[in-house]
Every structure is written in C-alpha cells, then in structure tokens.
C-alpha cells in the first residue's frame, strides 16, 4: 500500500469518528434543515483548511509548544461550545430555515430573505469556530501528517507535501460531512414536528454541546 493510499484510508477512519465537528453538522441539519447542514459542513472544512495552513507555516507547532497559548485555545474552544449549548437550551421555536424547507423549498427561503442569509452565515461562522478553537485538532495535525512524510525531505518539500495531504484530507472530510448533513436533514422529519419534540431536541442538543465543552476543556 502506498503512503497516499494509507493516508486516505486512515483519514476516512479518523473523519468518521464522532467529535464536535460531526455533531455540530448533524444537529444543525436536524434542527435547521439541509441548507444549514451544507453550510455548516463548509464552515467545518474552512476551519480544517486554516488548521492545515497553520501546520504548514509552523503556527500549530508554536501553539503546541507554548502551554499558555494552548490553554487559551482550549478555554476558548470549550467556552464556545458551552455558548452553543446554552443557546440550544434557550431556543423556544423551530428554525425558520427548517420550516421553509419543509413547506416550500427555495421559493419559501427566498420569501424569508435576509434573515435566512444571516442565519446561514451564523451557522457557517459557528462551524468554523467549533473546528478552529478545538486544540485537539492542532495536536492531531502535528501528530498525524508527519507519519506520511518520507524521511529526508527538505523543509520546503515537506511543507509542500503537507499541503497536498491537507487538501486530500479536506476533500475527504467535506465529502463525509456533506453525507452527514444530508442524513441529518433526512432525519429531521422524524425528530421534529411538534413543539414537544422540538423542545426535547433542543435540550438534547444543548446537553451534547455542554458535554463536548467539558471534554475539550479537560
């Protein structure tokens, strides 16, 4: 097996493991519809791209080597997940995006207009930050990518190789993320629909985010 094939296989396994990114995409799709899930998947992989660039430029090593910076990133990531959890717990009505998808598709979304675009931008922003503020992702890139770099590469060649691997990893991640977004949207009709179900789903989502915040902080 070539190193690239081994990298692709390992990436498939690792991307499929549930974590903050995956859970955010699924919950966003279930609660807010297919468009929100797609946007959140794009946001997560934007964060992945920034992590790849940071690793190639050496910024990830800088964060990992300075405990204070790493602790700040960990606290920021945990705090942001906690904010998402509290926001989910306080949510009291179904999403306008989910409702428009259910009743009218693109025409209904067009009728909602700017508020929908603002919500989609918020989902994108949240997804980027959920990924970007996770310190374990920083350590992951530092530990995972070098295993697939040939010994004896010059610094320039190593950076180029890491960038290529990063793009491959991003493509794999985006493909799987979009699959999860569609699965989450398909489950929405079964998990949502009544005020009671919506409230239970919001409480479950909030609890999951608060649990993830605890895991990231530890």
C-alpha atoms as a PDB file:
ATOM      1  CA  UNK A   1       0.000   0.000   0.000  1.00  0.00           C
ATOM      2  CA  UNK A   2       1.406   3.388  -0.990  1.00  0.00           C
ATOM      3  CA  UNK A   3       1.747   6.132   1.576  1.00  0.00           C
ATOM      4  CA  UNK A   4      -1.030   8.139  -0.120  1.00  0.00           C
ATOM      5  CA  UNK A   5      -3.416   5.177  -0.078  1.00  0.00           C
ATOM      6  CA  UNK A   6      -2.604   4.576   3.577  1.00  0.00           C
ATOM      7  CA  UNK A   7      -3.206   8.256   4.280  1.00  0.00           C
ATOM      8  CA  UNK A   8      -6.597   8.188   2.538  1.00  0.00           C
ATOM      9  CA  UNK A   9      -7.662   5.073   4.445  1.00  0.00           C
ATOM     10  CA  UNK A  10      -6.534   6.484   7.781  1.00  0.00           C
ATOM     11  CA  UNK A  11      -8.244   9.792   7.015  1.00  0.00           C
ATOM     12  CA  UNK A  12     -11.538   8.063   6.228  1.00  0.00           C
ATOM     13  CA  UNK A  13     -11.469   6.285   9.570  1.00  0.00           C
ATOM     14  CA  UNK A  14     -10.498   9.379  11.542  1.00  0.00           C
ATOM     15  CA  UNK A  15     -13.005  11.707   9.878  1.00  0.00           C
ATOM     16  CA  UNK A  16     -15.821   9.231  10.567  1.00  0.00           C
ATOM     17  CA  UNK A  17     -15.111   9.245  14.323  1.00  0.00           C
ATOM     18  CA  UNK A  18     -17.752  11.387  16.101  1.00  0.00           C
ATOM     19  CA  UNK A  19     -16.466  14.667  17.502  1.00  0.00           C
ATOM     20  CA  UNK A  20     -17.526  18.303  17.901  1.00  0.00           C
ATOM     21  CA  UNK A  21     -17.416  18.943  14.140  1.00  0.00           C
ATOM     22  CA  UNK A  22     -19.538  15.955  13.197  1.00  0.00           C
ATOM     23  CA  UNK A  23     -22.031  16.519  15.993  1.00  0.00           C
ATOM     24  CA  UNK A  24     -22.410  20.181  15.052  1.00  0.00           C
ATOM     25  CA  UNK A  25     -23.150  19.308  11.417  1.00  0.00           C
ATOM     26  CA  UNK A  26     -25.728  16.655  12.306  1.00  0.00           C
ATOM     27  CA  UNK A  27     -27.528  18.722  14.933  1.00  0.00           C
ATOM     28  CA  UNK A  28     -27.511  21.761  12.660  1.00  0.00           C
ATOM     29  CA  UNK A  29     -29.043  19.699   9.847  1.00  0.00           C
ATOM     30  CA  UNK A  30     -31.672  18.107  12.074  1.00  0.00           C
ATOM     31  CA  UNK A  31     -32.744  21.377  13.657  1.00  0.00           C
ATOM     32  CA  UNK A  32     -32.380  23.763  10.734  1.00  0.00           C
ATOM     33  CA  UNK A  33     -32.591  21.778   7.517  1.00  0.00           C
ATOM     34  CA  UNK A  34     -30.428  20.678   4.622  1.00  0.00           C
ATOM     35  CA  UNK A  35     -29.089  24.110   3.660  1.00  0.00           C
ATOM     36  CA  UNK A  36     -27.912  24.753   7.192  1.00  0.00           C
ATOM     37  CA  UNK A  37     -26.189  21.365   7.236  1.00  0.00           C
ATOM     38  CA  UNK A  38     -24.386  22.061   3.964  1.00  0.00           C
ATOM     39  CA  UNK A  39     -23.280  25.489   5.176  1.00  0.00           C
ATOM     40  CA  UNK A  40     -22.046  24.032   8.469  1.00  0.00           C
ATOM     41  CA  UNK A  41     -20.065  21.372   6.579  1.00  0.00           C
ATOM     42  CA  UNK A  42     -18.417  24.103   4.502  1.00  0.00           C
ATOM     43  CA  UNK A  43     -17.642  26.008   7.695  1.00  0.00           C
ATOM     44  CA  UNK A  44     -16.053  22.994   9.356  1.00  0.00           C
ATOM     45  CA  UNK A  45     -13.808  22.383   6.365  1.00  0.00           C
ATOM     46  CA  UNK A  46     -12.884  26.065   6.222  1.00  0.00           C
ATOM     47  CA  UNK A  47     -11.591  25.544   9.746  1.00  0.00           C
ATOM     48  CA  UNK A  48      -9.734  22.459   8.549  1.00  0.00           C
ATOM     49  CA  UNK A  49      -8.100  24.499   5.782  1.00  0.00           C
ATOM     50  CA  UNK A  50      -6.946  27.077   8.322  1.00  0.00           C
ATOM     51  CA  UNK A  51      -5.523  24.299  10.506  1.00  0.00           C
ATOM     52  CA  UNK A  52      -3.637  22.900   7.508  1.00  0.00           C
ATOM     53  CA  UNK A  53      -2.202  26.318   6.683  1.00  0.00           C
ATOM     54  CA  UNK A  54      -1.211  26.796  10.323  1.00  0.00           C
ATOM     55  CA  UNK A  55       0.540  23.419  10.362  1.00  0.00           C
ATOM     56  CA  UNK A  56       2.389  24.119   7.102  1.00  0.00           C
ATOM     57  CA  UNK A  57       3.502  27.570   8.299  1.00  0.00           C
ATOM     58  CA  UNK A  58       4.597  26.297  11.707  1.00  0.00           C
ATOM     59  CA  UNK A  59       1.912  28.133  13.691  1.00  0.00           C
ATOM     60  CA  UNK A  60       0.480  24.874  15.015  1.00  0.00           C
ATOM     61  CA  UNK A  61       3.883  23.960  16.454  1.00  0.00           C
ATOM     62  CA  UNK A  62       4.074  27.381  18.087  1.00  0.00           C
ATOM     63  CA  UNK A  63       0.729  26.839  19.819  1.00  0.00           C
ATOM     64  CA  UNK A  64       1.614  23.312  20.918  1.00  0.00           C
ATOM     65  CA  UNK A  65       4.985  24.410  22.313  1.00  0.00           C
ATOM     66  CA  UNK A  66       3.547  27.239  24.428  1.00  0.00           C
ATOM     67  CA  UNK A  67       1.314  25.969  27.240  1.00  0.00           C
ATOM     68  CA  UNK A  68      -0.274  29.380  27.772  1.00  0.00           C
ATOM     69  CA  UNK A  69      -1.379  29.664  24.143  1.00  0.00           C
ATOM     70  CA  UNK A  70      -2.629  26.100  24.145  1.00  0.00           C
ATOM     71  CA  UNK A  71      -4.561  26.669  27.379  1.00  0.00           C
ATOM     72  CA  UNK A  72      -6.123  29.823  25.940  1.00  0.00           C
ATOM     73  CA  UNK A  73      -7.219  27.936  22.817  1.00  0.00           C
ATOM     74  CA  UNK A  74      -8.634  25.124  24.938  1.00  0.00           C
ATOM     75  CA  UNK A  75     -10.618  27.527  27.135  1.00  0.00           C
ATOM     76  CA  UNK A  76     -11.871  29.447  24.105  1.00  0.00           C
ATOM     77  CA  UNK A  77     -12.999  26.253  22.391  1.00  0.00           C
ATOM     78  CA  UNK A  78     -14.735  24.918  25.487  1.00  0.00           C
ATOM     79  CA  UNK A  79     -16.358  28.284  26.114  1.00  0.00           C
ATOM     80  CA  UNK A  80     -17.689  28.499  22.575  1.00  0.00           C
ATOM     81  CA  UNK A  81     -19.184  25.015  22.739  1.00  0.00           C
ATOM     82  CA  UNK A  82     -20.757  25.923  26.073  1.00  0.00           C
ATOM     83  CA  UNK A  83     -22.296  29.028  24.475  1.00  0.00           C
ATOM     84  CA  UNK A  84     -23.749  26.880  21.696  1.00  0.00           C
ATOM     85  CA  UNK A  85     -25.163  24.546  24.338  1.00  0.00           C
ATOM     86  CA  UNK A  86     -26.804  27.353  26.292  1.00  0.00           C
ATOM     87  CA  UNK A  87     -28.187  28.842  23.085  1.00  0.00           C
ATOM     88  CA  UNK A  88     -29.727  25.481  22.167  1.00  0.00           C
ATOM     89  CA  UNK A  89     -31.269  25.112  25.625  1.00  0.00           C
ATOM     90  CA  UNK A  90     -32.824  28.577  25.412  1.00  0.00           C
ATOM     91  CA  UNK A  91     -34.205  28.021  21.940  1.00  0.00           C
ATOM     92  CA  UNK A  92     -38.015  28.034  22.017  1.00  0.00           C
ATOM     93  CA  UNK A  93     -39.295  27.840  18.475  1.00  0.00           C
ATOM     94  CA  UNK A  94     -38.484  25.847  15.306  1.00  0.00           C
ATOM     95  CA  UNK A  95     -35.948  27.274  12.905  1.00  0.00           C
ATOM     96  CA  UNK A  96     -37.270  29.441  10.083  1.00  0.00           C
ATOM     97  CA  UNK A  97     -34.869  27.677   7.706  1.00  0.00           C
ATOM     98  CA  UNK A  98     -36.143  24.252   8.652  1.00  0.00           C
ATOM     99  CA  UNK A  99     -39.718  25.421   8.310  1.00  0.00           C
ATOM    100  CA  UNK A 100     -39.181  26.973   4.883  1.00  0.00           C
ATOM    101  CA  UNK A 101     -37.511  23.839   3.593  1.00  0.00           C
ATOM    102  CA  UNK A 102     -40.400  21.770   4.866  1.00  0.00           C
ATOM    103  CA  UNK A 103     -43.169  23.824   3.255  1.00  0.00           C
ATOM    104  CA  UNK A 104     -41.769  25.477   0.172  1.00  0.00           C
ATOM    105  CA  UNK A 105     -38.133  24.805  -0.618  1.00  0.00           C
ATOM    106  CA  UNK A 106     -36.260  27.505  -2.494  1.00  0.00           C
ATOM    107  CA  UNK A 107     -39.278  29.780  -3.011  1.00  0.00           C
ATOM    108  CA  UNK A 108     -40.065  29.858   0.706  1.00  0.00           C
ATOM    109  CA  UNK A 109     -36.464  30.545   1.572  1.00  0.00           C
ATOM    110  CA  UNK A 110     -36.462  33.400  -0.924  1.00  0.00           C
ATOM    111  CA  UNK A 111     -39.522  34.848   0.781  1.00  0.00           C
ATOM    112  CA  UNK A 112     -37.736  34.889   4.110  1.00  0.00           C
ATOM    113  CA  UNK A 113     -34.830  36.789   2.527  1.00  0.00           C
ATOM    114  CA  UNK A 114     -32.108  38.414   4.523  1.00  0.00           C
ATOM    115  CA  UNK A 115     -32.910  36.842   7.926  1.00  0.00           C
ATOM    116  CA  UNK A 116     -32.279  33.400   6.416  1.00  0.00           C
ATOM    117  CA  UNK A 117     -28.967  34.511   4.907  1.00  0.00           C
ATOM    118  CA  UNK A 118     -27.909  35.920   8.258  1.00  0.00           C
ATOM    119  CA  UNK A 119     -28.771  32.644   9.963  1.00  0.00           C
ATOM    120  CA  UNK A 120     -26.831  30.666   7.371  1.00  0.00           C
ATOM    121  CA  UNK A 121     -23.834  32.946   7.863  1.00  0.00           C
ATOM    122  CA  UNK A 122     -24.110  32.383  11.607  1.00  0.00           C
ATOM    123  CA  UNK A 123     -24.133  28.605  11.111  1.00  0.00           C
ATOM    124  CA  UNK A 124     -21.059  28.939   8.888  1.00  0.00           C
ATOM    125  CA  UNK A 125     -19.272  31.115  11.457  1.00  0.00           C
ATOM    126  CA  UNK A 126     -20.141  28.755  14.294  1.00  0.00           C
ATOM    127  CA  UNK A 127     -18.866  25.756  12.325  1.00  0.00           C
ATOM    128  CA  UNK A 128     -15.566  27.479  11.528  1.00  0.00           C
ATOM    129  CA  UNK A 129     -15.038  28.388  15.179  1.00  0.00           C
ATOM    130  CA  UNK A 130     -16.056  24.962  16.512  1.00  0.00           C
ATOM    131  CA  UNK A 131     -13.277  23.467  14.389  1.00  0.00           C
ATOM    132  CA  UNK A 132     -10.732  26.261  14.710  1.00  0.00           C
ATOM    133  CA  UNK A 133     -10.949  26.565  18.511  1.00  0.00           C
ATOM    134  CA  UNK A 134     -10.525  22.849  19.167  1.00  0.00           C
ATOM    135  CA  UNK A 135      -6.958  22.425  20.494  1.00  0.00           C
ATOM    136  CA  UNK A 136      -7.058  18.684  19.907  1.00  0.00           C
ATOM    137  CA  UNK A 137      -7.249  19.345  16.166  1.00  0.00           C
ATOM    138  CA  UNK A 138      -3.966  21.277  16.421  1.00  0.00           C
ATOM    139  CA  UNK A 139      -2.295  18.283  18.068  1.00  0.00           C
ATOM    140  CA  UNK A 140      -3.905  15.930  15.567  1.00  0.00           C
ATOM    141  CA  UNK A 141      -2.339  17.647  12.567  1.00  0.00           C
ATOM    142  CA  UNK A 142       1.054  17.794  14.270  1.00  0.00           C
ATOM    143  CA  UNK A 143       0.967  14.076  15.088  1.00  0.00           C
ATOM    144  CA  UNK A 144      -0.846  12.657  12.053  1.00  0.00           C
ATOM    145  CA  UNK A 145       0.617  14.307   8.964  1.00  0.00           C
ATOM    146  CA  UNK A 146       4.350  13.744   9.676  1.00  0.00           C
ATOM    147  CA  UNK A 147       3.763   9.977   9.695  1.00  0.00           C
ATOM    148  CA  UNK A 148       3.149  10.128   5.939  1.00  0.00           C
ATOM    149  CA  UNK A 149       6.149  12.284   5.035  1.00  0.00           C
ATOM    150  CA  UNK A 150       9.144  10.469   3.520  1.00  0.00           C
ATOM    151  CA  UNK A 151      12.345  10.672   5.550  1.00  0.00           C
ATOM    152  CA  UNK A 152      14.951  13.104   4.277  1.00  0.00           C
ATOM    153  CA  UNK A 153      12.676  15.701   2.711  1.00  0.00           C
ATOM    154  CA  UNK A 154      13.903  19.264   2.667  1.00  0.00           C
ATOM    155  CA  UNK A 155      11.819  21.754   4.710  1.00  0.00           C
ATOM    156  CA  UNK A 156      10.319  23.201   1.532  1.00  0.00           C
ATOM    157  CA  UNK A 157       9.394  19.792   0.117  1.00  0.00           C
ATOM    158  CA  UNK A 158       7.958  18.742   3.477  1.00  0.00           C
ATOM    159  CA  UNK A 159       5.705  21.793   3.577  1.00  0.00           C
ATOM    160  CA  UNK A 160       4.540  21.155   0.014  1.00  0.00           C
ATOM    161  CA  UNK A 161       3.806  17.529   0.833  1.00  0.00           C
ATOM    162  CA  UNK A 162       1.896  18.514   3.977  1.00  0.00           C
ATOM    163  CA  UNK A 163      -0.168  20.982   1.973  1.00  0.00           C
ATOM    164  CA  UNK A 164      -1.073  18.287  -0.569  1.00  0.00           C
ATOM    165  CA  UNK A 165      -2.023  15.868   2.202  1.00  0.00           C
ATOM    166  CA  UNK A 166      -4.040  18.623   3.830  1.00  0.00           C
ATOM    167  CA  UNK A 167      -6.036  19.221   0.649  1.00  0.00           C
ATOM    168  CA  UNK A 168      -6.699  15.476   0.329  1.00  0.00           C
ATOM    169  CA  UNK A 169      -7.793  15.324   3.969  1.00  0.00           C
ATOM    170  CA  UNK A 170     -10.054  18.341   3.460  1.00  0.00           C
ATOM    171  CA  UNK A 171     -11.695  16.775   0.393  1.00  0.00           C
ATOM    172  CA  UNK A 172     -12.359  13.542   2.279  1.00  0.00           C
ATOM    173  CA  UNK A 173     -13.720  15.458   5.237  1.00  0.00           C
ATOM    174  CA  UNK A 174     -16.011  17.597   3.079  1.00  0.00           C
ATOM    175  CA  UNK A 175     -17.435  14.556   1.286  1.00  0.00           C
ATOM    176  CA  UNK A 176     -18.250  12.787   4.553  1.00  0.00           C
ATOM    177  CA  UNK A 177     -19.511  15.972   6.198  1.00  0.00           C
ATOM    178  CA  UNK A 178     -21.962  16.547   3.354  1.00  0.00           C
ATOM    179  CA  UNK A 179     -23.178  12.956   3.686  1.00  0.00           C
ATOM    180  CA  UNK A 180     -23.844  13.522   7.381  1.00  0.00           C
ATOM    181  CA  UNK A 181     -25.595  16.798   6.585  1.00  0.00           C
ATOM    182  CA  UNK A 182     -27.995  15.028   4.216  1.00  0.00           C
ATOM    183  CA  UNK A 183     -28.568  12.220   6.719  1.00  0.00           C
ATOM    184  CA  UNK A 184     -29.338  14.754   9.440  1.00  0.00           C
ATOM    185  CA  UNK A 185     -31.767  16.595   7.172  1.00  0.00           C
ATOM    186  CA  UNK A 186     -33.483  13.306   6.285  1.00  0.00           C
ATOM    187  CA  UNK A 187     -33.944  12.536   9.981  1.00  0.00           C
ATOM    188  CA  UNK A 188     -35.431  15.955  10.666  1.00  0.00           C
ATOM    189  CA  UNK A 189     -38.976  14.946   9.707  1.00  0.00           C
ATOM    190  CA  UNK A 190     -38.895  12.125  12.258  1.00  0.00           C
ATOM    191  CA  UNK A 191     -37.226  14.016  15.078  1.00  0.00           C
ATOM    192  CA  UNK A 192     -39.030  17.337  14.679  1.00  0.00           C
ATOM    193  CA  UNK A 193     -42.601  18.381  14.008  1.00  0.00           C
ATOM    194  CA  UNK A 194     -44.308  19.071  17.326  1.00  0.00           C
ATOM    195  CA  UNK A 195     -43.418  21.669  19.983  1.00  0.00           C
ATOM    196  CA  UNK A 196     -42.665  18.866  22.428  1.00  0.00           C
ATOM    197  CA  UNK A 197     -40.273  17.128  20.038  1.00  0.00           C
ATOM    198  CA  UNK A 198     -38.597  20.404  19.136  1.00  0.00           C
ATOM    199  CA  UNK A 199     -38.078  21.225  22.789  1.00  0.00           C
ATOM    200  CA  UNK A 200     -36.688  17.771  23.593  1.00  0.00           C
ATOM    201  CA  UNK A 201     -34.344  18.002  20.606  1.00  0.00           C
ATOM    202  CA  UNK A 202     -33.120  21.423  21.727  1.00  0.00           C
ATOM    203  CA  UNK A 203     -32.471  20.101  25.237  1.00  0.00           C
ATOM    204  CA  UNK A 204     -30.629  17.071  23.864  1.00  0.00           C
ATOM    205  CA  UNK A 205     -28.539  19.247  21.555  1.00  0.00           C
ATOM    206  CA  UNK A 206     -27.698  21.653  24.363  1.00  0.00           C
ATOM    207  CA  UNK A 207     -26.690  18.798  26.637  1.00  0.00           C
ATOM    208  CA  UNK A 208     -24.423  17.322  23.963  1.00  0.00           C
ATOM    209  CA  UNK A 209     -22.679  20.656  23.384  1.00  0.00           C
ATOM    210  CA  UNK A 210     -22.153  21.172  27.114  1.00  0.00           C
ATOM    211  CA  UNK A 211     -20.727  17.658  27.357  1.00  0.00           C
ATOM    212  CA  UNK A 212     -18.373  18.348  24.452  1.00  0.00           C
ATOM    213  CA  UNK A 213     -17.311  21.597  26.117  1.00  0.00           C
ATOM    214  CA  UNK A 214     -16.313  19.605  29.190  1.00  0.00           C
ATOM    215  CA  UNK A 215     -14.342  17.116  27.081  1.00  0.00           C
ATOM    216  CA  UNK A 216     -12.486  19.870  25.200  1.00  0.00           C
ATOM    217  CA  UNK A 217     -11.655  21.680  28.428  1.00  0.00           C
ATOM    218  CA  UNK A 218     -10.207  18.560  30.096  1.00  0.00           C
END
